[in-house]
C-alpha atoms as a PDB file:
ATOM      1  CA  MET A   1     154.196  62.924-110.106  1.00  0.00           C
ATOM      2  CA  SER A   2     156.422  62.549-107.027  1.00  0.00           C
ATOM      3  CA  LEU A   3     160.221  62.682-107.134  1.00  0.00           C
ATOM      4  CA  GLN A   4     160.299  58.994-106.293  1.00  0.00           C
ATOM      5  CA  SER A   5     158.424  58.111-109.477  1.00  0.00           C
ATOM      6  CA  LEU A   6     161.158  59.269-111.859  1.00  0.00           C
ATOM      7  CA  PRO A   7     162.737  56.211-113.580  1.00  0.00           C
ATOM      8  CA  PHE A   8     166.286  56.418-112.209  1.00  0.00           C
ATOM      9  CA  PRO A   9     168.805  53.707-113.065  1.00  0.00           C
ATOM     10  CA  ARG A  10     168.686  50.736-110.742  1.00  0.00           C
ATOM     11  CA  ILE A  11     172.216  51.441-109.522  1.00  0.00           C
ATOM     12  CA  LEU A  12     171.052  54.639-107.818  1.00  0.00           C
ATOM     13  CA  VAL A  13     168.156  52.972-106.036  1.00  0.00           C
ATOM     14  CA  THR A  14     170.277  50.028-104.945  1.00  0.00           C
ATOM     15  CA  PHE A  15     173.061  52.232-103.612  1.00  0.00           C
ATOM     16  CA  PHE A  16     170.749  54.284-101.421  1.00  0.00           C
ATOM     17  CA  LEU A  17     168.770  51.371-100.017  1.00  0.00           C
ATOM     18  CA  VAL A  18     171.693  49.284 -98.755  1.00  0.00           C
ATOM     19  CA  PHE A  19     172.787  51.804 -96.137  1.00  0.00           C
ATOM     20  CA  SER A  20     171.112  50.277 -93.128  1.00  0.00           C
ATOM     21  CA  LEU A  21     174.082  51.061 -90.915  1.00  0.00           C
ATOM     22  CA  SER A  22     175.389  49.082 -87.960  1.00  0.00           C
ATOM     23  CA  PRO A  23     178.257  49.767 -85.486  1.00  0.00           C
ATOM     24  CA  ALA A  24     180.998  52.142 -86.644  1.00  0.00           C
ATOM     25  CA  PHE A  25     184.762  51.583 -86.634  1.00  0.00           C
ATOM     26  CA  ALA A  26     186.907  54.722 -86.436  1.00  0.00           C
ATOM     27  CA  ASP A  27     189.949  54.985 -88.703  1.00  0.00           C
ATOM     28  CA  ASP A  28     191.163  58.150 -86.965  1.00  0.00           C
ATOM     29  CA  ALA A  29     190.563  59.849 -83.650  1.00  0.00           C
ATOM     30  CA  GLY A  30     189.752  63.039 -85.543  1.00  0.00           C
ATOM     31  CA  VAL A  31     191.581  65.968 -87.129  1.00  0.00           C
ATOM     32  CA  GLY A  32     191.282  69.594 -86.007  1.00  0.00           C
ATOM     33  CA  LEU A  33     189.753  71.771 -88.735  1.00  0.00           C
ATOM     34  CA  SER A  34     189.569  75.260 -87.192  1.00  0.00           C
ATOM     35  CA  ALA A  35     191.760  76.763 -89.959  1.00  0.00           C
ATOM     36  CA  VAL A  36     190.300  74.827 -92.902  1.00  0.00           C
ATOM     37  CA  THR A  37     188.720  76.733 -95.798  1.00  0.00           C
ATOM     38  CA  ARG A  38     188.737  73.966 -98.432  1.00  0.00           C
ATOM     39  CA  VAL A  39     187.759  70.303 -98.274  1.00  0.00           C
ATOM     40  CA  HIS A  40     188.415  67.834-101.103  1.00  0.00           C
ATOM     41  CA  ILE A  41     186.844  64.378-100.784  1.00  0.00           C
ATOM     42  CA  LEU A  42     187.759  61.731-103.335  1.00  0.00           C
ATOM     43  CA  GLY A  43     188.225  57.999-103.801  1.00  0.00           C
ATOM     44  CA  ASP A  44     185.686  55.222-103.486  1.00  0.00           C
ATOM     45  CA  ALA A  45     181.971  55.364-102.700  1.00  0.00           C
ATOM     46  CA  GLY A  46     180.810  56.481 -99.269  1.00  0.00           C
ATOM     47  CA  SER A  47     178.776  58.917 -97.223  1.00  0.00           C
ATOM     48  CA  VAL A  48     179.594  62.519 -96.349  1.00  0.00           C
ATOM     49  CA  ALA A  49     178.030  64.559 -93.532  1.00  0.00           C
ATOM     50  CA  LEU A  50     179.250  68.132 -93.045  1.00  0.00           C
ATOM     51  CA  THR A  51     178.069  70.908 -90.725  1.00  0.00           C
ATOM     52  CA  THR A  52     179.261  74.437 -89.840  1.00  0.00           C
ATOM     53  CA  ARG A  53     178.125  74.714 -86.243  1.00  0.00           C
ATOM     54  CA  ALA A  54     179.834  77.438 -84.206  1.00  0.00           C
ATOM     55  CA  ASP A  55     178.860  75.709 -80.942  1.00  0.00           C
ATOM     56  CA  ALA A  56     180.699  72.449 -81.729  1.00  0.00           C
ATOM     57  CA  PRO A  57     184.409  71.579 -82.157  1.00  0.00           C
ATOM     58  CA  PHE A  58     185.831  71.933 -85.662  1.00  0.00           C
ATOM     59  CA  VAL A  59     186.936  68.335 -86.222  1.00  0.00           C
ATOM     60  CA  GLY A  60     186.633  65.635 -88.879  1.00  0.00           C
ATOM     61  CA  ALA A  61     186.785  61.852 -88.792  1.00  0.00           C
ATOM     62  CA  ILE A  62     186.368  58.800 -91.019  1.00  0.00           C
ATOM     63  CA  THR A  63     184.438  55.787 -89.793  1.00  0.00           C
ATOM     64  CA  HIS A  64     183.527  52.537 -91.473  1.00  0.00           C
ATOM     65  CA  ARG A  65     180.227  50.860 -90.758  1.00  0.00           C
ATOM     66  CA  ARG A  66     178.942  47.436 -91.636  1.00  0.00           C
ATOM     67  CA  HIS A  67     175.668  47.494 -93.537  1.00  0.00           C
ATOM     68  CA  GLY A  68     173.164  44.776 -94.303  1.00  0.00           C
ATOM     69  CA  TRP A  69     172.442  41.694 -92.232  1.00  0.00           C
ATOM     70  CA  ILE A  70     175.704  40.008 -93.258  1.00  0.00           C
ATOM     71  CA  GLY A  71     177.701  42.989 -92.060  1.00  0.00           C
ATOM     72  CA  GLN A  72     175.828  43.072 -88.763  1.00  0.00           C
ATOM     73  CA  PHE A  73     176.550  39.364 -88.242  1.00  0.00           C
ATOM     74  CA  LEU A  74     180.258  39.766 -89.021  1.00  0.00           C
ATOM     75  CA  SER A  75     180.584  42.738 -86.683  1.00  0.00           C
ATOM     76  CA  LEU A  76     179.865  40.392 -83.774  1.00  0.00           C
ATOM     77  CA  TRP A  77     183.031  38.417 -84.543  1.00  0.00           C
ATOM     78  CA  SER A  78     185.521  40.760 -86.172  1.00  0.00           C
ATOM     79  CA  TYR A  79     186.741  44.354 -85.945  1.00  0.00           C
ATOM     80  CA  ASP A  80     189.843  44.766 -88.090  1.00  0.00           C
ATOM     81  CA  GLU A  81     188.307  43.470 -91.318  1.00  0.00           C
ATOM     82  CA  CYS A  82     186.388  46.736 -91.716  1.00  0.00           C
ATOM     83  CA  ALA A  83     189.528  48.858 -91.575  1.00  0.00           C
ATOM     84  CA  THR A  84     190.827  50.395 -94.812  1.00  0.00           C
ATOM     85  CA  SER A  85     193.550  52.746 -95.991  1.00  0.00           C
ATOM     86  CA  SER A  86     191.182  55.737 -96.023  1.00  0.00           C
ATOM     87  CA  ASP A  87     192.982  58.819 -94.748  1.00  0.00           C
ATOM     88  CA  MET A  88     192.835  62.558 -94.159  1.00  0.00           C
ATOM     89  CA  ARG A  89     195.667  64.923 -95.069  1.00  0.00           C
ATOM     90  CA  LEU A  90     195.829  68.528 -93.873  1.00  0.00           C
ATOM     91  CA  ASP A  91     197.911  70.913 -95.971  1.00  0.00           C
ATOM     92  CA  GLY A  92     197.590  74.460 -94.716  1.00  0.00           C
ATOM     93  CA  ALA A  93     193.938  75.453 -95.056  1.00  0.00           C
ATOM     94  CA  THR A  94     193.073  72.481 -97.309  1.00  0.00           C
ATOM     95  CA  LEU A  95     191.850  69.109 -96.046  1.00  0.00           C
ATOM     96  CA  THR A  96     192.052  66.187 -98.490  1.00  0.00           C
ATOM     97  CA  VAL A  97     190.021  63.096 -97.625  1.00  0.00           C
ATOM     98  CA  THR A  98     190.684  59.874 -99.549  1.00  0.00           C
ATOM     99  CA  ILE A  99     188.098  57.113 -99.160  1.00  0.00           C
ATOM    100  CA  ALA A 100     189.359  53.580 -99.823  1.00  0.00           C
ATOM    101  CA  SER A 101     187.122  50.539-100.066  1.00  0.00           C
ATOM    102  CA  SER A 102     187.404  47.761 -97.525  1.00  0.00           C
ATOM    103  CA  ARG A 103     188.122  44.235 -98.711  1.00  0.00           C
ATOM    104  CA  LEU A 104     184.686  43.430 -97.290  1.00  0.00           C
ATOM    105  CA  SER A 105     181.769  44.615 -99.391  1.00  0.00           C
ATOM    106  CA  SER A 106     179.692  44.931 -96.199  1.00  0.00           C
ATOM    107  CA  CYS A 107     181.794  47.901 -95.012  1.00  0.00           C
ATOM    108  CA  HIS A 108     180.691  51.440 -95.831  1.00  0.00           C
ATOM    109  CA  ALA A 109     182.856  54.560 -95.357  1.00  0.00           C
ATOM    110  CA  VAL A 110     181.441  57.654 -93.642  1.00  0.00           C
ATOM    111  CA  PHE A 111     183.254  61.015 -93.430  1.00  0.00           C
ATOM    112  CA  THR A 112     181.855  63.485 -90.901  1.00  0.00           C
ATOM    113  CA  ALA A 113     183.153  66.961 -90.141  1.00  0.00           C
ATOM    114  CA  ASN A 114     182.197  70.244 -88.540  1.00  0.00           C
ATOM    115  CA  LEU A 115     183.792  73.098 -90.498  1.00  0.00           C
ATOM    116  CA  PRO A 116     184.130  76.857 -90.054  1.00  0.00           C
ATOM    117  CA  GLU A 117     181.537  78.812 -92.025  1.00  0.00           C
ATOM    118  CA  GLY A 118     182.374  79.732 -95.603  1.00  0.00           C
ATOM    119  CA  ALA A 119     184.352  76.652 -96.637  1.00  0.00           C
ATOM    120  CA  THR A 120     184.524  75.330-100.208  1.00  0.00           C
ATOM    121  CA  VAL A 121     183.678  71.635-100.529  1.00  0.00           C
ATOM    122  CA  THR A 122     184.615  69.458-103.522  1.00  0.00           C
ATOM    123  CA  ILE A 123     183.421  65.844-103.681  1.00  0.00           C
ATOM    124  CA  GLU A 124     184.644  63.374-106.326  1.00  0.00           C
ATOM    125  CA  GLN A 125     183.287  59.900-105.596  1.00  0.00           C
ATOM    126  CA  PRO A 126     181.619  57.379-107.923  1.00  0.00           C
ATOM    127  CA  ALA A 127     178.630  57.074-105.595  1.00  0.00           C
ATOM    128  CA  ALA A 128     177.820  59.152-102.561  1.00  0.00           C
ATOM    129  CA  GLU A 129     175.202  59.916 -99.957  1.00  0.00           C
ATOM    130  CA  ILE A 130     175.768  63.563 -99.011  1.00  0.00           C
ATOM    131  CA  ASP A 131     174.268  65.592 -96.168  1.00  0.00           C
ATOM    132  CA  LEU A 132     175.386  69.226 -95.843  1.00  0.00           C
ATOM    133  CA  ASN A 133     174.018  71.541 -93.185  1.00  0.00           C
ATOM    134  CA  GLY A 134     175.408  75.016 -92.689  1.00  0.00           C
ATOM    135  CA  VAL A 135     176.986  78.002 -94.432  1.00  0.00           C
ATOM    136  CA  PHE A 136     179.328  77.234 -97.330  1.00  0.00           C
ATOM    137  CA  ASP A 137     180.969  79.273-100.070  1.00  0.00           C
ATOM    138  CA  GLN A 138     181.044  76.693-102.879  1.00  0.00           C
ATOM    139  CA  ILE A 139     179.833  73.101-103.175  1.00  0.00           C
ATOM    140  CA  HIS A 140     181.136  71.087-106.124  1.00  0.00           C
ATOM    141  CA  LEU A 141     180.235  67.478-106.906  1.00  0.00           C
ATOM    142  CA  ASP A 142     181.408  65.080-109.629  1.00  0.00           C
ATOM    143  CA  SER A 143     179.887  61.606-109.332  1.00  0.00           C
ATOM    144  CA  VAL A 144     177.984  58.799-111.040  1.00  0.00           C
ATOM    145  CA  ALA A 145     175.129  58.209-108.581  1.00  0.00           C
ATOM    146  CA  THR A 146     174.423  60.667-105.795  1.00  0.00           C
ATOM    147  CA  ASN A 147     171.814  61.674-103.277  1.00  0.00           C
ATOM    148  CA  VAL A 148     172.416  65.202-101.953  1.00  0.00           C
ATOM    149  CA  ARG A 149     170.648  66.914 -99.069  1.00  0.00           C
ATOM    150  CA  PHE A 150     171.669  70.508 -98.391  1.00  0.00           C
ATOM    151  CA  THR A 151     170.245  72.932 -95.836  1.00  0.00           C
ATOM    152  CA  GLY A 152     171.750  76.356 -95.298  1.00  0.00           C
ATOM    153  CA  GLU A 153     173.535  78.954 -97.417  1.00  0.00           C
ATOM    154  CA  ALA A 154     175.916  78.605-100.365  1.00  0.00           C
ATOM    155  CA  ARG A 155     177.124  81.063-102.991  1.00  0.00           C
ATOM    156  CA  ASP A 156     177.708  78.438-105.660  1.00  0.00           C
ATOM    157  CA  VAL A 157     176.370  74.885-105.940  1.00  0.00           C
ATOM    158  CA  THR A 158     177.532  72.768-108.900  1.00  0.00           C
ATOM    159  CA  LEU A 159     176.386  69.150-108.983  1.00  0.00           C
ATOM    160  CA  LYS A 160     177.386  66.788-111.797  1.00  0.00           C
ATOM    161  CA  SER A 161     176.234  63.165-111.625  1.00  0.00           C
ATOM    162  CA  ASP A 162     174.794  60.655-114.098  1.00  0.00           C
ATOM    163  CA  ALA A 163     171.962  59.950-111.656  1.00  0.00           C
ATOM    164  CA  LEU A 164     171.222  62.744-109.227  1.00  0.00           C
ATOM    165  CA  LYS A 165     168.655  63.257-106.520  1.00  0.00           C
ATOM    166  CA  ALA A 166     168.943  66.585-104.725  1.00  0.00           C
ATOM    167  CA  LEU A 167     167.101  68.458-101.998  1.00  0.00           C
ATOM    168  CA  LEU A 168     168.483  71.995-101.699  1.00  0.00           C
ATOM    169  CA  VAL A 169     166.967  74.111 -98.933  1.00  0.00           C
ATOM    170  CA  TYR A 170     168.254  77.684 -98.683  1.00  0.00           C
ATOM    171  CA  THR A 171     167.632  79.179 -95.249  1.00  0.00           C
ATOM    172  CA  ALA A 172     168.778  82.611 -96.460  1.00  0.00           C
ATOM    173  CA  VAL A 173     169.371  84.203 -99.864  1.00  0.00           C
ATOM    174  CA  HIS A 174     171.784  87.073-100.571  1.00  0.00           C
ATOM    175  CA  GLY A 175     171.113  87.658-104.281  1.00  0.00           C
ATOM    176  CA  ARG A 176     174.366  86.100-105.497  1.00  0.00           C
ATOM    177  CA  GLU A 177     173.569  82.371-105.554  1.00  0.00           C
ATOM    178  CA  THR A 178     174.139  80.128-108.568  1.00  0.00           C
ATOM    179  CA  ILE A 179     172.922  76.531-108.863  1.00  0.00           C
ATOM    180  CA  ARG A 180     174.156  74.254-111.653  1.00  0.00           C
ATOM    181  CA  LEU A 181     172.813  70.710-112.086  1.00  0.00           C
ATOM    182  CA  ASP A 182     174.310  68.537-114.829  1.00  0.00           C
ATOM    183  CA  SER A 183     172.968  64.981-115.049  1.00  0.00           C
ATOM    184  CA  LYS A 184     171.444  62.311-117.262  1.00  0.00           C
ATOM    185  CA  PHE A 185     168.636  61.683-114.788  1.00  0.00           C
ATOM    186  CA  VAL A 186     167.897  64.348-112.190  1.00  0.00           C
ATOM    187  CA  ALA A 187     165.177  64.878-109.604  1.00  0.00           C
ATOM    188  CA  ALA A 188     165.743  68.108-107.725  1.00  0.00           C
ATOM    189  CA  ASP A 189     163.719  69.989-105.140  1.00  0.00           C
ATOM    190  CA  VAL A 190     165.012  73.541-104.580  1.00  0.00           C
ATOM    191  CA  ARG A 191     163.506  75.625-101.788  1.00  0.00           C
ATOM    192  CA  PHE A 192     164.128  79.195-100.685  1.00  0.00           C
ATOM    193  CA  ALA A 193     163.166  80.626 -97.297  1.00  0.00           C
ATOM    194  CA  LYS A 194     162.549  84.091 -98.753  1.00  0.00           C
ATOM    195  CA  VAL A 195     163.338  85.377-102.213  1.00  0.00           C
ATOM    196  CA  ASP A 196     161.978  88.192-104.399  1.00  0.00           C
ATOM    197  CA  ALA A 197     162.937  86.844-107.826  1.00  0.00           C
ATOM    198  CA  ILE A 198     164.922  84.045-109.452  1.00  0.00           C
ATOM    199  CA  SER A 199     166.096  83.058-112.908  1.00  0.00           C
ATOM    200  CA  TYR A 200     166.102  79.505-114.149  1.00  0.00           C
ATOM    201  CA  ARG A 201     166.534  77.409-117.274  1.00  0.00           C
ATOM    202  CA  VAL A 202     166.103  73.677-117.872  1.00  0.00           C
ATOM    203  CA  ASP A 203     167.642  72.071-120.949  1.00  0.00           C
ATOM    204  CA  ALA A 204     166.465  68.440-121.172  1.00  0.00           C
ATOM    205  CA  ASP A 205     165.086  65.910-123.636  1.00  0.00           C
ATOM    206  CA  ALA A 206     162.169  65.383-121.251  1.00  0.00           C
ATOM    207  CA  ALA A 207     161.403  67.638-118.313  1.00  0.00           C
ATOM    208  CA  MET A 208     158.757  68.354-115.720  1.00  0.00           C
ATOM    209  CA  VAL A 209     159.250  71.751-114.047  1.00  0.00           C
ATOM    210  CA  ASN A 210     157.115  73.210-111.289  1.00  0.00           C
ATOM    211  CA  SER A 211     158.215  76.647-110.090  1.00  0.00           C
ATOM    212  CA  ARG A 212     156.543  78.943-107.622  1.00  0.00           C
ATOM    213  CA  TYR A 213     158.478  81.836-109.132  1.00  0.00           C
ATOM    214  CA  PRO A 214     158.524  83.085-112.728  1.00  0.00           C
ATOM    215  CA  HIS A 215     161.800  83.347-114.596  1.00  0.00           C
ATOM    216  CA  THR A 216     163.273  86.844-114.202  1.00  0.00           C
ATOM    217  CA  GLN A 217     166.165  87.526-116.553  1.00  0.00           C
ATOM    218  CA  GLY A 218     169.375  88.332-114.686  1.00  0.00           C
ATOM    219  CA  ALA A 219     167.979  87.614-111.238  1.00  0.00           C
ATOM    220  CA  LYS A 220     169.743  85.541-108.610  1.00  0.00           C
ATOM    221  CA  PRO A 221     169.459  82.871-107.367  1.00  0.00           C
ATOM    222  CA  ASP A 222     170.168  81.590-110.876  1.00  0.00           C
ATOM    223  CA  ILE A 223     169.330  77.930-111.557  1.00  0.00           C
ATOM    224  CA  ARG A 224     170.567  76.067-114.638  1.00  0.00           C
ATOM    225  CA  VAL A 225     169.754  72.403-115.305  1.00  0.00           C
ATOM    226  CA  THR A 226     171.193  70.252-118.097  1.00  0.00           C
ATOM    227  CA  ALA A 227     169.870  66.697-118.337  1.00  0.00           C
ATOM    228  CA  GLU A 228     168.333  63.995-120.487  1.00  0.00           C
ATOM    229  CA  LYS A 229     165.404  63.569-118.090  1.00  0.00           C
ATOM    230  CA  ALA A 230     164.619  66.083-115.374  1.00  0.00           C
ATOM    231  CA  GLN A 231     162.029  66.639-112.697  1.00  0.00           C
ATOM    232  CA  ILE A 232     162.508  69.989-111.013  1.00  0.00           C
ATOM    233  CA  SER A 233     160.549  71.670-108.227  1.00  0.00           C
ATOM    234  CA  ILE A 234     161.320  75.263-107.165  1.00  0.00           C
ATOM    235  CA  ASP A 235     159.567  76.696-104.127  1.00  0.00           C
END
């Protein structure tokens, strides 16, 4: 059975399919993030794309894009209607990003940032499309419907969402990683570049688990899944 075959709620499928994005409208010219160690993203639904590239400026910005054919049509005639009160606030080493919905349902918020390595990221949005690429300390999510793609390194990943689809690709493992998935309906694909042993446990009413590695008590990476229905692949 493929990950796509799991019977997720229709809200999750609908949310992910409507993001055929058209031209972007910037809410901010960008904020310098060279001293940031924590990022907190909250508010309304949107997309998040974070990297930790050393060869690129450490900056963050919010844009709003029109999606769907109606949004593309309106973008030919209007600019300001896609603007919202979304904002970014920098307080010492902490960046707080608040996503606010536009009065037009065809507008979709996108937060992009390039961060220094080792940052902690917390995301609290009702629905989110998340793409993380790089080296992070902790990644925390609290949502209702989420699609997460992660590639890189992270000491702690905690994802809580009623409907969760996750692809977690670890490019390096240091024997300290923890992964916690808490969901009603979860489809997760966890991949490790090189690992000697892992520990894992899946507590679910119905579960399909396919692991390349046996469970080794006390080993890390340590994966724990709590769900009503779960489809988990570990490779």
